[in-house]
C-alpha cells in the first residue's frame, strides 16, 4: 500500500497452530525430537539454539499447518501430551 502496489489477498492459505517449548522439557535431558516429530508430519520444529534450559524459559516452538482447524487443535493437544510423557521418561 505504501509503494502504490495493489494489496494482495487476505484469504488464509491454510490453518496454523503453534506450541511453545519451555525449558521444563529439558529437566531430564534433551528430548528426542526426531522420534517425537516423526509422529507429526505436518509439524516443524524450531529450536532457538539457547545454551541453557531452565524452567519457564522459551527454548523454541513447534508449528503445525493444515486445512482443518479442529484437526490442528487435536494434534496440538496430542503433541502436548506426548511432550509430557517424553520429558518425564528421559528417552
Protein backbone atom coordinates (compact mmCIF):
# COMPACT_ATOMS: atom_id res chain seq x y z
CA UNK A 1 0.00 0.00 0.00
CA UNK A 2 2.85 2.41 0.81
CA UNK A 3 4.51 1.84 -2.54
CA UNK A 4 1.32 2.14 -4.54
CA UNK A 5 1.18 -1.56 -5.41
CA UNK A 6 -2.17 -3.35 -5.19
CA UNK A 7 -2.90 -5.00 -1.87
CA UNK A 8 -2.79 -8.81 -2.05
CA UNK A 9 -5.44 -11.24 -0.98
CA UNK A 10 -6.03 -11.66 2.74
CA UNK A 11 -7.65 -15.07 2.30
CA UNK A 12 -5.87 -17.62 4.54
CA UNK A 13 -3.94 -20.29 2.63
CA UNK A 14 -4.21 -22.80 5.46
CA UNK A 15 -4.76 -23.05 9.20
CA UNK A 16 -1.86 -22.95 11.61
CA UNK A 17 -1.09 -23.63 15.24
CA UNK A 18 1.96 -23.22 17.46
CA UNK A 19 3.11 -24.93 20.65
CA UNK A 20 5.79 -23.20 22.74
CA UNK A 21 8.63 -25.33 24.12
CA UNK A 22 9.74 -24.32 27.59
CA UNK A 23 12.93 -25.30 29.36
CA UNK A 24 10.98 -27.59 31.67
CA UNK A 25 11.14 -30.23 28.89
CA UNK A 26 14.93 -30.48 29.33
CA UNK A 27 14.79 -31.35 33.07
CA UNK A 28 15.64 -34.99 32.34
CA UNK A 29 17.89 -34.23 29.36
CA UNK A 30 17.19 -33.15 25.79
CA UNK A 31 14.03 -34.66 24.30
CA UNK A 32 14.35 -36.99 21.33
CA UNK A 33 12.98 -34.56 18.77
CA UNK A 34 13.38 -36.89 15.80
CA UNK A 35 11.21 -39.58 17.37
CA UNK A 36 8.60 -37.09 18.53
CA UNK A 37 8.39 -35.21 15.23
CA UNK A 38 8.06 -38.42 13.21
CA UNK A 39 4.54 -38.71 14.67
CA UNK A 40 3.51 -35.33 13.23
CA UNK A 41 4.41 -34.99 9.53
CA UNK A 42 2.71 -31.58 9.25
CA UNK A 43 4.78 -30.13 12.11
CA UNK A 44 8.02 -28.15 12.06
CA UNK A 45 10.42 -27.87 14.99
CA UNK A 46 12.06 -24.51 15.66
CA UNK A 47 14.75 -24.56 18.37
CA UNK A 48 16.35 -21.24 19.24
CA UNK A 49 19.86 -22.54 19.97
CA UNK A 50 19.96 -21.40 23.58
CA UNK A 51 22.76 -22.99 25.59
CA UNK A 52 20.94 -23.47 28.88
CA UNK A 53 17.41 -24.59 29.59
CA UNK A 54 15.66 -23.50 32.75
CA UNK A 55 12.04 -23.89 33.84
CA UNK A 56 9.81 -21.37 32.10
CA UNK A 57 12.45 -20.26 29.57
CA UNK A 58 11.19 -20.39 25.97
CA UNK A 59 13.58 -22.67 24.10
CA UNK A 60 11.66 -22.96 20.82
CA UNK A 61 8.32 -23.85 19.33
CA UNK A 62 6.61 -26.37 17.09
CA UNK A 63 4.38 -25.08 14.32
CA UNK A 64 1.70 -27.15 12.62
CA UNK A 65 -0.20 -26.40 9.42
CA UNK A 66 -3.27 -28.00 7.87
CA UNK A 67 -6.66 -27.43 6.34
CA UNK A 68 -8.86 -28.18 9.36
CA UNK A 69 -8.65 -26.02 12.49
CA UNK A 70 -10.32 -28.66 14.66
CA UNK A 71 -7.87 -31.32 13.50
CA UNK A 72 -4.95 -28.99 14.28
CA UNK A 73 -6.35 -28.36 17.74
CA UNK A 74 -6.45 -32.12 18.39
CA UNK A 75 -2.90 -32.52 17.07
CA UNK A 76 -1.61 -29.76 19.35
CA UNK A 77 -3.27 -31.42 22.34
CA UNK A 78 -1.82 -34.80 21.34
CA UNK A 79 1.62 -33.28 20.84
CA UNK A 80 1.46 -31.59 24.23
CA UNK A 81 0.59 -34.91 25.90
CA UNK A 82 3.43 -36.70 24.10
CA UNK A 83 5.84 -33.99 25.24
CA UNK A 84 4.78 -34.58 28.86
CA UNK A 85 5.46 -38.31 28.51
CA UNK A 86 8.74 -37.86 26.63
CA UNK A 87 10.13 -35.31 29.05
CA UNK A 88 9.37 -37.48 32.08
CA UNK A 89 10.81 -40.67 30.53
CA UNK A 90 14.20 -39.14 29.65
CA UNK A 91 14.37 -41.12 26.43
